[in-house]
Amino acid sequence: MKYFIIPIIIVLILVTIAFLFRRKHIREIGRLEHEKLQIQNKPIFEEMMKVKQLNMTGETEEKFERWRNEWTEVIDVFMPEIDSMLFDAEDMIDRFRFKKATAAEKVIQEKIRHCDKRKNAILDELNELIGSEEKNRIEIEKLREQYRLARKTVLAHQHAFGMTVKPLEKELEAFMPKFEEYDELTANGNYLLAREIVITLAAKGDQLSKLIQEIPSLLTDLQNKIPASIRELRNGSREMEEQGYNLHHLEITRKLQEIEVSIEEQMNRLVELEIDTVQQQVTEMLDIIESCYDALENEVNARHYVELNFDTLETSLEQITKLTRETSDEAAYVQQSYRLDEKEAKLPEISSKKLESLQKKYDTLKILVAEEESAYSALQLELAQITEELELIAMEQESLASRMKNLRIDENNVRKRLETLTRELQSVDRKLHRGNIPGIPDDMDARLEEAEEQLYLVSQSLQEVPLNMAVAENYLTNAERVVHEVKGKVEELLENVMLIERIIQYGNRYRVSNPEMNERLLMAEESFRQYRYAKALEEAATAVEAVEPGAMKRIEEMLKEHA
């Protein structure tokens, strides 16, 4: 029986696969049919009729005829071919000739794509042509109006355009042939070529508008503003030189001569309508003129500064020199009792050398001011530098003087703090020995000895001659840290001892009934007698908490209440 079942199953599988393939190809044929209908039903002829609104001559007529012929070919030739191929493919599918059907479907797809591409090309060209006509019509009117306004402006304001009137009129005249060419192309239906004319005219119109807008301003700068500034700068420079100013370093005469040459060059370029270059050069000329004004103003301000501050400089130099000598003498006296650091000790000598150098600079500056042959800006710079260095020296001397005056105060402060720390350590020591404890642990003795040693170092440093306050203050800082640490440790130790006693007292009630508890308390008492208070506290607390959880908290609260 099984020999019959297996072949039947195989046949059924093959039939199922064949029908599945058939269904797949039928779907593909349906899709291709839909794409064909989408192209076929597109109202291309109706779209082409929009062109009839335009002048049906020349380029427009040629394009219309070509589009109509191409679409007629698509509808009358390609579509019937595709229909026939679809019918043949369906027949192949019905006869289960899937390989040939697949090849046919690929050919049909290519033909459909070709038709769709031709459809899109016709629509794109059509839209471009219609769009060009509409854009041309709108933009050409704007350009005509722009041209009329430009011509009117040039004719009505010829004085504002000066020698550029003729070049501008020549530019304006170049528009008329282009307008005529545009009208001729439009009348002949050549809208795309007319579009190129519109684009060219738009660029020329923008440039012309820029020329008409900028030229009057540039002419005003070149013919009036800049020459007036040159005259004013020359007159101002001459008056200042008569008043004793030295202006040779500013080179104003050379700069103004170069600007005058450049004015003539820019006027020639303006006639050629090279407006971008002229604008750049005019901006540079105005910047140079502004810098000349600033330089002259700077010389006036510099003279005012020199006249106002020069006489006081000698007084300042004498006062700071006197201050430095006094500080140097004070430093020599102070160093008999106190040790200054290396930088402070050398400061008076260094300052004296700086003052000698500044005195030489001042003497030179004094000669230059009296001769009245130097630029005031240079004199101001030298004067300001000397003044600044003097102020710095004065600040250093005052700081050193203040530091030396404070040395005695600092010494007294260190001695007072040393006395306070000594009393604190003695108080801690008495409190420790009167604390009713079995004994003092070795580490606590070591801490007390270290604190005493630190206090001793402070005391010894105060006995040195000359006294080094930096060292003494450093020792004092260490001593304060150690004494405060000892004080805290002693208070902690005494609190622990009191707590141990209270814990053992509290735990005595369980000793008879709890041998293990008794054993732990005995161990704590032994540690207590050996001065191992931290260990004794840990053992006693563990023993009580094991029997009565929370007992430690209650004991601590009791201690706080009786504190």
Protein backbone atom coordinates (compact mmCIF):
# COMPACT_ATOMS: atom_id res chain seq x y z
CA MET A 1 0.00 0.00 0.00
CA LYS A 2 2.81 2.36 0.90
CA TYR A 3 4.16 2.11 -2.64
CA PHE A 4 0.99 3.85 -3.88
CA ILE A 5 0.73 6.50 -1.13
CA ILE A 6 4.20 8.04 -1.58
CA PRO A 7 3.79 8.84 -5.31
CA ILE A 8 0.37 10.31 -4.62
CA ILE A 9 1.81 12.56 -1.92
CA ILE A 10 4.56 13.71 -4.30
CA VAL A 11 2.05 14.49 -7.02
CA LEU A 12 -0.09 16.47 -4.58
CA ILE A 13 2.95 18.49 -3.46
CA LEU A 14 3.91 19.26 -7.06
CA VAL A 15 0.35 20.31 -7.91
CA THR A 16 0.23 22.57 -4.85
CA ILE A 17 3.55 24.21 -5.79
CA ALA A 18 2.33 24.69 -9.39
CA PHE A 19 -0.84 26.43 -8.23
CA LEU A 20 1.14 28.62 -5.85
CA PHE A 21 3.42 29.73 -8.70
CA ARG A 22 0.37 30.30 -10.89
CA ARG A 23 -1.21 32.54 -8.25
CA LYS A 24 2.04 34.52 -7.92
CA HIS A 25 2.22 35.14 -11.70
CA ILE A 26 -1.45 36.08 -11.88
CA ARG A 27 -0.83 38.75 -9.20
CA GLU A 28 2.15 40.04 -11.18
CA ILE A 29 0.07 40.24 -14.38
CA GLY A 30 -2.61 42.15 -12.44
CA ARG A 31 -0.01 44.63 -11.20
CA LEU A 32 1.37 45.19 -14.70
CA GLU A 33 -2.14 45.68 -16.05
CA HIS A 34 -2.79 48.30 -13.37
CA GLU A 35 0.42 50.21 -14.20
CA LYS A 36 -0.47 50.16 -17.90
CA LEU A 37 -3.95 51.56 -17.21
CA GLN A 38 -2.46 54.29 -14.97
CA ILE A 39 -0.37 55.50 -17.90
CA GLN A 40 -3.06 54.95 -20.52
CA ASN A 41 -5.72 56.89 -18.57
CA LYS A 42 -3.50 59.90 -17.86
CA PRO A 43 -5.17 62.91 -19.60
CA ILE A 44 -2.08 63.94 -21.51
CA PHE A 45 -4.00 65.35 -24.49
CA GLU A 46 -6.06 67.53 -22.14
CA GLU A 47 -2.84 68.82 -20.53
CA MET A 48 -1.37 69.58 -23.97
CA MET A 49 -4.41 71.64 -24.85
CA LYS A 50 -3.25 74.22 -22.26
CA VAL A 51 -0.52 75.16 -24.73
CA LYS A 52 -3.23 76.37 -27.13
CA GLN A 53 -3.52 79.45 -24.87
CA LEU A 54 0.00 80.44 -25.93
CA ASN A 55 1.26 81.67 -29.29
CA MET A 56 1.21 78.48 -31.37
CA THR A 57 4.20 79.39 -33.47
CA GLY A 58 7.88 78.62 -33.55
CA GLU A 59 9.24 76.66 -30.61
CA THR A 60 5.81 76.21 -28.98
CA GLU A 61 4.27 74.76 -32.14
CA GLU A 62 7.23 72.42 -32.68
CA LYS A 63 7.07 71.11 -29.12
CA PHE A 64 3.29 70.66 -29.28
CA GLU A 65 3.54 68.59 -32.47
CA ARG A 66 6.34 66.47 -31.04
CA TRP A 67 4.47 65.81 -27.78
CA ARG A 68 1.28 64.88 -29.68
CA ASN A 69 3.17 62.50 -31.96
CA GLU A 70 5.01 60.87 -29.05
CA TRP A 71 1.86 60.35 -26.98
CA THR A 72 -0.10 59.10 -30.02
CA GLU A 73 2.66 56.53 -30.53
CA VAL A 74 2.40 55.47 -26.87
CA ILE A 75 -1.40 55.04 -27.04
CA ASP A 76 -1.71 53.60 -30.56
CA VAL A 77 1.46 51.48 -30.75
CA PHE A 78 2.95 50.63 -27.37
CA MET A 79 -0.27 50.07 -25.44
CA PRO A 80 -1.69 47.51 -27.94
CA GLU A 81 1.68 45.73 -27.88
CA ILE A 82 1.56 45.59 -24.10
CA ASP A 83 -2.05 44.28 -24.18
CA SER A 84 -1.02 41.51 -26.59
CA MET A 85 1.98 40.57 -24.45
CA LEU A 86 -0.18 40.49 -21.29
CA PHE A 87 -2.64 38.13 -23.09
CA ASP A 88 0.20 35.84 -24.14
CA ALA A 89 1.66 35.82 -20.63
CA GLU A 90 -1.72 34.85 -19.17
CA ASP A 91 -1.90 31.97 -21.65
CA MET A 92 1.58 30.80 -20.57
CA ILE A 93 0.50 30.90 -16.93
CA ASP A 94 -2.63 28.85 -17.63
CA ARG A 95 -0.40 26.23 -19.30
CA PHE A 96 2.03 26.35 -16.33
CA ARG A 97 4.88 27.62 -18.50
CA PHE A 98 6.22 29.78 -15.66
CA LYS A 99 9.76 30.32 -16.96
CA LYS A 100 8.52 31.84 -20.24
CA ALA A 101 5.90 33.83 -18.31
CA THR A 102 8.63 35.33 -16.11
CA ALA A 103 10.65 36.40 -19.18
CA ALA A 104 7.53 37.93 -20.75
CA GLU A 105 6.72 39.83 -17.53
CA LYS A 106 10.19 41.40 -17.55
CA VAL A 107 9.76 42.59 -21.15
CA ILE A 108 6.30 43.99 -20.34
CA GLN A 109 7.75 45.83 -17.30
CA GLU A 110 10.45 47.45 -19.44
CA LYS A 111 7.91 48.62 -22.06
CA ILE A 112 5.67 50.06 -19.33
CA ARG A 113 8.65 51.91 -17.81
CA HIS A 114 9.55 53.27 -21.25
CA CYS A 115 6.00 54.58 -21.74
CA ASP A 116 5.96 56.08 -18.22
CA LYS A 117 9.29 57.79 -18.84
CA ARG A 118 7.96 59.34 -22.10
CA LYS A 119 4.81 60.47 -20.29
CA ASN A 120 6.81 62.17 -17.54
CA ALA A 121 9.13 63.83 -20.06
CA ILE A 122 6.16 65.31 -21.95
CA LEU A 123 4.59 66.61 -18.70
CA ASP A 124 7.91 68.09 -17.46
CA GLU A 125 8.52 69.94 -20.75
CA LEU A 126 4.90 71.05 -20.85
CA ASN A 127 5.03 72.46 -17.30
CA GLU A 128 8.35 74.13 -18.00
CA LEU A 129 6.98 75.84 -21.09
CA ILE A 130 3.76 77.02 -19.42
CA GLY A 131 5.65 78.05 -16.27
CA SER A 132 8.21 79.96 -18.31
CA GLU A 133 5.47 81.93 -20.07
CA GLU A 134 3.83 82.89 -16.78
CA LYS A 135 7.12 83.80 -15.04
CA ASN A 136 8.27 85.75 -18.10
CA ARG A 137 5.06 87.77 -18.21
CA ILE A 138 5.28 88.73 -14.49
CA GLU A 139 9.02 89.37 -14.32
CA ILE A 140 9.34 91.30 -17.58
CA GLU A 141 6.84 93.87 -16.32
CA LYS A 142 8.88 94.33 -13.14
CA LEU A 143 12.03 94.72 -15.21
CA ARG A 144 10.38 97.31 -17.49
CA GLU A 145 9.26 99.27 -14.41
CA GLN A 146 12.75 98.97 -12.88
CA TYR A 147 14.25 100.26 -16.14
CA ARG A 148 11.83 103.22 -16.30
CA LEU A 149 12.59 104.22 -12.68
CA ALA A 150 16.36 103.91 -13.23
CA ARG A 151 16.23 106.07 -16.36
CA LYS A 152 14.05 108.64 -14.63
CA THR A 153 16.42 108.78 -11.61
CA VAL A 154 19.52 109.29 -13.77
CA LEU A 155 17.89 112.01 -15.86
CA ALA A 156 16.36 113.82 -12.88
CA HIS A 157 19.52 113.75 -10.73
CA GLN A 158 22.39 114.06 -13.20
CA HIS A 159 24.35 116.29 -10.82
CA ALA A 160 24.40 113.45 -8.26
CA PHE A 161 25.90 111.02 -10.80
CA GLY A 162 28.47 113.43 -12.24
CA MET A 163 30.79 111.91 -14.83
CA THR A 164 29.05 108.52 -14.53
CA VAL A 165 25.90 109.77 -16.30
CA LYS A 166 27.06 108.76 -19.78
CA PRO A 167 28.23 105.26 -18.77
CA LEU A 168 24.94 104.75 -16.94
CA GLU A 169 22.94 105.89 -19.94
CA LYS A 170 24.92 103.48 -22.08
CA GLU A 171 24.02 100.70 -19.66
CA LEU A 172 20.36 101.75 -19.82
CA GLU A 173 20.41 101.80 -23.63
CA ALA A 174 21.55 98.19 -23.64
CA PHE A 175 18.21 97.18 -22.11
CA MET A 176 16.03 98.22 -25.09
CA PRO A 177 17.37 95.67 -27.62
CA LYS A 178 16.88 92.96 -25.03
CA PHE A 179 13.27 94.02 -24.41
CA GLU A 180 12.66 93.99 -28.17
CA GLU A 181 14.29 90.58 -28.53
CA TYR A 182 12.10 89.29 -25.71
CA ASP A 183 8.93 90.59 -27.37
CA GLU A 184 9.92 89.00 -30.68
CA LEU A 185 10.68 85.61 -29.11
CA THR A 186 7.40 85.67 -27.16
CA ALA A 187 5.41 86.60 -30.27
CA ASN A 188 7.02 83.66 -32.10
CA GLY A 189 6.19 81.26 -29.25
CA ASN A 190 9.85 80.83 -28.19
CA TYR A 191 9.09 81.09 -24.46
CA LEU A 192 12.13 79.15 -23.24
CA LEU A 193 14.54 81.33 -25.19
CA ALA A 194 12.62 84.35 -23.91
CA ARG A 195 13.17 82.99 -20.38
CA GLU A 196 16.93 83.24 -20.89
CA ILE A 197 16.52 86.89 -21.89
CA VAL A 198 14.51 87.56 -18.70
CA ILE A 199 17.17 85.96 -16.51
CA THR A 200 19.93 88.01 -18.19
CA LEU A 201 17.93 91.24 -17.81
CA ALA A 202 17.23 90.48 -14.13
CA ALA A 203 20.97 90.17 -13.39
CA LYS A 204 21.73 93.38 -15.30
CA GLY A 205 18.83 95.12 -13.55
CA ASP A 206 20.14 94.20 -10.10
CA GLN A 207 23.59 95.48 -11.00
CA LEU A 208 22.12 98.69 -12.43
CA SER A 209 20.06 99.28 -9.27
CA LYS A 210 23.19 98.83 -7.19
CA LEU A 211 25.07 101.36 -9.35
CA ILE A 212 22.30 103.95 -9.09
CA GLN A 213 22.03 103.46 -5.35
CA GLU A 214 25.76 103.51 -4.52
CA ILE A 215 27.35 105.92 -7.03
CA PRO A 216 25.98 109.19 -5.51
CA SER A 217 27.29 108.23 -2.09
CA LEU A 218 30.69 107.20 -3.47
CA LEU A 219 30.96 110.43 -5.47
CA THR A 220 30.14 112.43 -2.34
CA ASP A 221 32.92 110.61 -0.48
CA LEU A 222 35.48 111.02 -3.26
CA GLN A 223 34.67 114.62 -4.25
CA ASN A 224 33.65 116.16 -0.93
CA LYS A 225 33.97 114.18 2.28
CA ILE A 226 37.47 112.74 1.82
CA PRO A 227 39.03 115.95 0.33
CA ALA A 228 37.47 117.98 3.19
CA SER A 229 38.94 115.57 5.74
CA ILE A 230 42.35 115.82 4.04
CA ARG A 231 42.27 119.63 4.24
CA GLU A 232 41.18 119.49 7.87
CA LEU A 233 43.93 117.01 8.78
CA ARG A 234 46.60 119.10 7.04
CA ASN A 235 45.48 122.29 8.77
CA GLY A 236 45.22 120.52 12.10
CA SER A 237 48.67 118.94 11.75
CA ARG A 238 50.22 122.31 10.82
CA GLU A 239 48.61 124.05 13.81
CA MET A 240 49.75 121.32 16.17
CA GLU A 241 53.32 121.48 14.87
CA GLU A 242 53.28 125.25 15.42
CA GLN A 243 52.23 124.52 19.02
CA GLY A 244 55.26 122.28 19.57
CA TYR A 245 53.94 118.85 18.63
CA ASN A 246 56.31 116.46 16.89
CA LEU A 247 54.20 114.52 14.35
CA HIS A 248 56.86 113.14 11.98
CA HIS A 249 56.42 109.58 13.31
CA LEU A 250 52.72 109.62 12.31
CA GLU A 251 53.58 110.07 8.57
CA ILE A 252 50.29 111.88 8.03
CA THR A 253 51.57 113.87 5.03
CA ARG A 254 52.59 110.71 3.16
CA LYS A 255 49.29 108.99 3.93
CA LEU A 256 47.24 111.97 2.74
CA GLN A 257 49.24 112.22 -0.50
CA GLU A 258 48.62 108.53 -1.19
CA ILE A 259 44.89 109.06 -0.59
CA GLU A 260 44.83 111.98 -3.07
CA VAL A 261 46.41 109.78 -5.73
CA SER A 262 43.94 107.03 -4.93
CA ILE A 263 40.98 109.45 -5.25
CA GLU A 264 41.89 110.12 -8.87
CA GLU A 265 42.27 106.40 -9.56
CA GLN A 266 38.88 105.61 -8.01
CA MET A 267 37.17 108.36 -10.00
CA ASN A 268 38.47 106.74 -13.21
CA ARG A 269 37.26 103.34 -12.03
CA LEU A 270 33.87 104.80 -11.17
CA VAL A 271 33.50 106.03 -14.77
CA GLU A 272 34.13 102.40 -15.77
CA LEU A 273 31.41 101.45 -13.23
CA GLU A 274 33.81 99.22 -11.25
CA ILE A 275 31.76 99.86 -8.16
CA ASP A 276 32.91 96.91 -6.01
CA THR A 277 36.58 97.89 -6.28
CA VAL A 278 35.78 101.55 -5.64
CA GLN A 279 33.70 100.72 -2.55
CA GLN A 280 36.57 98.70 -1.08
CA GLN A 281 39.13 101.45 -1.75
CA VAL A 282 36.89 104.19 -0.36
CA THR A 283 36.37 102.19 2.82
CA GLU A 284 40.15 101.80 3.20
CA MET A 285 40.71 105.55 2.62
CA LEU A 286 38.09 106.44 5.25
CA ASP A 287 39.72 104.01 7.71
CA ILE A 288 43.13 105.65 7.16
CA ILE A 289 41.65 109.11 7.65
CA GLU A 290 39.95 107.97 10.86
CA SER A 291 43.23 106.52 12.12
CA CYS A 292 44.95 109.87 11.42
CA TYR A 293 42.32 111.70 13.47
CA ASP A 294 42.81 109.18 16.27
CA ALA A 295 46.60 109.60 16.13
CA LEU A 296 46.34 113.41 16.42
CA GLU A 297 43.86 113.12 19.26
CA ASN A 298 46.18 110.67 20.98
CA GLU A 299 49.03 113.20 20.75
CA VAL A 300 46.82 115.90 22.33
CA ASN A 301 45.81 113.56 25.16
CA ALA A 302 49.42 112.47 25.60
CA ARG A 303 50.58 116.09 25.98
CA HIS A 304 47.87 116.72 28.55
CA TYR A 305 48.96 113.59 30.46
CA VAL A 306 52.64 114.61 30.41
CA GLU A 307 51.93 118.16 31.53
CA LEU A 308 49.65 116.94 34.31
CA ASN A 309 51.87 114.16 35.68
CA PHE A 310 55.48 115.04 34.88
CA ASP A 311 56.00 117.51 37.73
CA THR A 312 54.62 115.05 40.30
CA LEU A 313 56.89 112.25 39.07
CA GLU A 314 60.03 113.80 40.60
CA THR A 315 58.26 114.19 43.94
CA SER A 316 57.05 110.58 43.81
CA LEU A 317 60.56 109.39 42.96
CA GLU A 318 62.03 111.25 45.94
CA GLN A 319 59.33 110.02 48.33
CA ILE A 320 59.65 106.37 47.29
CA THR A 321 63.45 106.58 47.42
CA LYS A 322 63.16 107.94 50.98
CA LEU A 323 60.64 105.21 51.88
CA THR A 324 62.99 102.55 50.53
CA ARG A 325 65.92 103.87 52.58
CA GLU A 326 63.76 103.91 55.72
CA THR A 327 62.53 100.40 55.04
CA SER A 328 66.12 99.25 54.46
CA ASP A 329 67.23 100.75 57.80
CA GLU A 330 64.23 99.24 59.57
CA ALA A 331 64.98 95.86 58.03
CA ALA A 332 68.59 96.00 59.26
CA TYR A 333 67.36 96.80 62.77
CA VAL A 334 64.58 94.21 62.78
CA GLN A 335 66.92 91.46 61.58
CA GLN A 336 68.85 91.81 64.84
CA SER A 337 65.82 90.32 66.60
CA TYR A 338 63.89 88.54 63.83
CA ARG A 339 64.88 86.47 60.87
CA LEU A 340 63.34 87.57 57.54
CA ASP A 341 63.03 85.13 54.67
CA GLU A 342 65.55 85.45 51.86
CA LYS A 343 63.20 87.29 49.50
CA GLU A 344 62.17 89.87 52.11
CA ALA A 345 65.74 90.39 53.27
CA LYS A 346 66.95 91.18 49.72
CA LEU A 347 63.97 93.37 48.81
CA PRO A 348 65.42 96.74 50.03
CA GLU A 349 68.64 96.21 48.06
CA ILE A 350 66.77 95.14 44.92
CA SER A 351 64.41 98.12 45.21
CA SER A 352 67.35 100.50 45.60
CA LYS A 353 68.87 99.24 42.34
CA LYS A 354 65.53 99.61 40.55
CA LEU A 355 65.23 103.17 41.85
CA GLU A 356 68.70 104.03 40.54
CA SER A 357 67.64 102.79 37.09
CA LEU A 358 64.35 104.72 37.26
CA GLN A 359 66.22 107.88 38.30
CA LYS A 360 68.36 107.62 35.15
CA LYS A 361 65.26 107.12 33.01
CA TYR A 362 63.63 110.13 34.64
CA ASP A 363 66.71 112.31 34.03
CA THR A 364 66.65 111.32 30.34
CA LEU A 365 62.91 111.95 30.14
CA LYS A 366 63.37 115.36 31.74
CA ILE A 367 65.83 116.38 29.00
CA LEU A 368 63.45 115.15 26.26
CA VAL A 369 60.52 117.09 27.72
CA ALA A 370 62.62 120.26 27.95
CA GLU A 371 63.83 119.94 24.32
CA GLU A 372 60.21 119.57 23.04
CA GLU A 373 61.39 117.54 20.06
CA SER A 374 59.91 114.15 20.95
CA ALA A 375 56.42 112.86 20.26
CA TYR A 376 54.21 113.30 23.29
CA SER A 377 52.82 109.78 22.82
CA ALA A 378 56.34 108.38 23.29
CA LEU A 379 56.92 110.63 26.31
CA GLN A 380 53.60 109.53 27.78
CA LEU A 381 54.51 105.87 27.38
CA GLU A 382 57.87 106.32 29.12
CA LEU A 383 56.29 108.43 31.88
CA ALA A 384 53.55 105.84 32.46
CA GLN A 385 56.10 103.01 32.65
CA ILE A 386 58.24 104.85 35.22
CA THR A 387 55.14 105.71 37.27
CA GLU A 388 53.92 102.12 37.20
CA GLU A 389 57.29 100.75 38.33
CA LEU A 390 57.46 103.33 41.12
CA GLU A 391 54.00 102.35 42.35
CA LEU A 392 55.03 98.69 42.38
CA ILE A 393 58.19 99.47 44.42
CA ALA A 394 56.13 101.55 46.86
CA MET A 395 53.64 98.69 47.33
CA GLU A 396 56.50 96.23 48.00
CA GLN A 397 58.13 98.57 50.56
CA GLU A 398 54.85 99.25 52.35
CA SER A 399 54.10 95.54 52.46
CA LEU A 400 57.54 94.78 53.93
CA ALA A 401 57.21 97.60 56.47
CA SER A 402 53.82 96.29 57.54
CA ARG A 403 55.21 92.77 57.81
CA MET A 404 58.08 93.94 60.01
CA LYS A 405 55.73 95.91 62.29
CA ASN A 406 53.59 92.82 62.73
CA LEU A 407 56.50 90.60 63.72
CA ARG A 408 56.36 91.75 67.38
CA ILE A 409 52.58 91.28 67.39
CA ASP A 410 52.97 87.82 65.86
CA GLU A 411 55.57 86.91 68.49
CA ASN A 412 53.24 87.96 71.33
CA ASN A 413 50.39 86.01 69.78
CA VAL A 414 52.53 82.87 69.57
CA ARG A 415 53.61 83.24 73.22
CA LYS A 416 50.01 83.70 74.37
CA ARG A 417 48.82 80.71 72.39
CA LEU A 418 51.74 78.68 73.78
CA GLU A 419 50.71 79.56 77.34
CA THR A 420 47.11 78.62 76.60
CA LEU A 421 48.12 75.26 75.13
CA THR A 422 50.40 74.55 78.08
CA ARG A 423 47.56 75.17 80.53
CA GLU A 424 45.21 73.00 78.45
CA LEU A 425 47.70 70.11 78.43
CA GLN A 426 48.26 70.44 82.20
CA SER A 427 44.50 70.44 82.77
CA VAL A 428 44.11 67.33 80.62
CA ASP A 429 46.94 65.60 82.49
CA ARG A 430 45.39 66.40 85.90
CA LYS A 431 41.99 65.24 84.73
CA LEU A 432 43.49 61.97 83.49
CA HIS A 433 45.33 61.25 86.77
CA ARG A 434 42.32 62.17 88.91
CA GLY A 435 39.99 60.09 86.82
CA ASN A 436 39.87 57.16 89.27
CA ILE A 437 41.06 54.67 86.66
CA PRO A 438 43.30 51.64 87.20
CA GLY A 439 46.08 53.13 85.13
CA ILE A 440 47.10 55.05 82.04
CA PRO A 441 47.70 53.08 78.79
CA ASP A 442 51.12 53.28 77.20
CA ASP A 443 49.79 54.84 74.00
CA MET A 444 48.17 57.64 76.03
CA ASP A 445 51.46 58.31 77.84
CA ALA A 446 53.16 58.49 74.45
CA ARG A 447 50.57 61.01 73.20
CA LEU A 448 51.08 63.17 76.30
CA GLU A 449 54.84 63.07 75.83
CA GLU A 450 54.48 64.00 72.15
CA ALA A 451 52.31 66.99 73.08
CA GLU A 452 54.86 68.14 75.68
CA GLU A 453 57.63 67.75 73.09
CA GLN A 454 55.74 69.89 70.56
CA LEU A 455 55.20 72.62 73.16
CA TYR A 456 58.88 72.44 74.03
CA LEU A 457 59.81 72.97 70.34
CA VAL A 458 57.63 76.08 70.23
CA SER A 459 59.23 77.40 73.41
CA GLN A 460 62.74 76.71 72.12
CA SER A 461 62.05 78.38 68.77
CA LEU A 462 60.99 81.53 70.64
CA GLN A 463 64.38 81.62 72.37
CA GLU A 464 66.36 81.82 69.12
CA VAL A 465 68.05 85.09 68.15
CA PRO A 466 67.23 86.27 65.56
CA LEU A 467 63.75 84.83 65.94
CA ASN A 468 62.35 82.95 62.93
CA MET A 469 58.61 83.57 63.20
CA ALA A 470 57.78 81.25 60.27
CA VAL A 471 59.39 78.32 62.11
CA ALA A 472 57.77 79.26 65.43
CA GLU A 473 54.31 79.54 63.87
CA ASN A 474 54.78 76.20 62.14
CA TYR A 475 55.75 74.53 65.43
CA LEU A 476 52.77 76.18 67.10
CA THR A 477 50.38 74.81 64.46
CA ASN A 478 51.70 71.28 65.04
CA ALA A 479 51.48 71.73 68.81
CA GLU A 480 47.85 72.89 68.63
CA ARG A 481 46.93 69.86 66.55
CA VAL A 482 48.63 67.38 68.90
CA VAL A 483 47.24 68.96 72.13
CA HIS A 484 43.70 68.99 70.75
CA GLU A 485 44.06 65.36 69.69
CA VAL A 486 45.30 64.40 73.17
CA LYS A 487 42.46 66.31 74.82
CA GLY A 488 39.92 64.44 72.69
CA LYS A 489 41.51 61.06 73.36
CA VAL A 490 41.59 61.65 77.13
CA GLU A 491 37.93 62.64 77.21
CA GLU A 492 37.08 59.58 75.13
CA LEU A 493 39.10 57.32 77.44
CA LEU A 494 37.41 58.66 80.61
CA GLU A 495 33.98 58.30 79.05
CA ASN A 496 34.78 54.71 78.08
CA VAL A 497 35.96 53.90 81.61
CA MET A 498 32.74 55.25 83.08
CA LEU A 499 30.71 53.32 80.52
CA ILE A 500 32.58 50.08 81.24
CA GLU A 501 31.86 50.41 84.97
CA ARG A 502 28.16 51.03 84.32
CA ILE A 503 27.94 48.07 81.91
CA ILE A 504 29.57 45.71 84.42
CA GLN A 505 27.29 47.00 87.18
CA TYR A 506 24.29 46.46 84.90
CA GLY A 507 25.46 42.97 83.95
CA ASN A 508 26.07 41.84 87.54
CA ARG A 509 22.37 40.96 87.83
CA TYR A 510 22.82 38.14 85.29
CA ARG A 511 26.06 36.64 86.63
CA VAL A 512 24.49 34.11 88.96
CA SER A 513 21.89 32.89 86.45
CA ASN A 514 24.12 33.06 83.36
CA PRO A 515 27.59 31.46 83.72
CA GLU A 516 28.54 32.41 80.16
CA MET A 517 27.68 36.02 80.91
CA ASN A 518 29.77 35.83 84.08
CA GLU A 519 32.71 34.46 82.10
CA ARG A 520 32.55 37.31 79.58
CA LEU A 521 32.36 39.95 82.29
CA LEU A 522 35.38 38.41 84.02
CA MET A 523 37.30 38.73 80.76
CA ALA A 524 36.20 42.38 80.46
CA GLU A 525 37.29 43.06 84.06
CA GLU A 526 40.68 41.50 83.35
CA SER A 527 41.17 43.70 80.27
CA PHE A 528 40.08 46.68 82.37
CA ARG A 529 42.75 45.94 85.00
CA GLN A 530 45.34 45.68 82.23
CA TYR A 531 44.41 49.24 81.01
CA ARG A 532 43.00 47.79 77.77
CA TYR A 533 39.87 49.91 78.00
CA ALA A 534 38.75 49.68 74.40
CA LYS A 535 38.88 45.87 74.53
CA ALA A 536 37.17 45.81 77.92
CA LEU A 537 34.34 48.02 76.56
CA GLU A 538 33.87 45.77 73.54
CA GLU A 539 33.79 42.56 75.68
CA ALA A 540 31.40 43.99 78.30
CA ALA A 541 29.04 45.51 75.71
CA THR A 542 28.95 42.25 73.71
CA ALA A 543 28.16 40.23 76.85
CA VAL A 544 25.26 42.46 77.95
CA GLU A 545 23.77 42.79 74.45
CA ALA A 546 23.84 38.97 74.04
CA VAL A 547 21.62 38.57 77.12
CA GLU A 548 19.53 41.72 76.80
CA PRO A 549 19.44 43.31 73.32
CA GLY A 550 19.17 47.11 73.47
CA ALA A 551 20.77 47.28 76.92
CA MET A 552 23.68 49.42 75.65
CA LYS A 553 21.34 52.11 74.42
CA ARG A 554 19.57 52.29 77.78
CA ILE A 555 22.89 52.45 79.67
CA GLU A 556 24.13 55.31 77.48
CA GLU A 557 20.89 57.22 78.03
CA MET A 558 21.25 56.75 81.80
CA LEU A 559 24.76 58.18 81.66
CA LYS A 560 23.55 61.22 79.71
CA GLU A 561 20.85 61.88 82.30
CA HIS A 562 23.41 61.86 85.15
CA ALA A 563 26.05 63.78 83.23
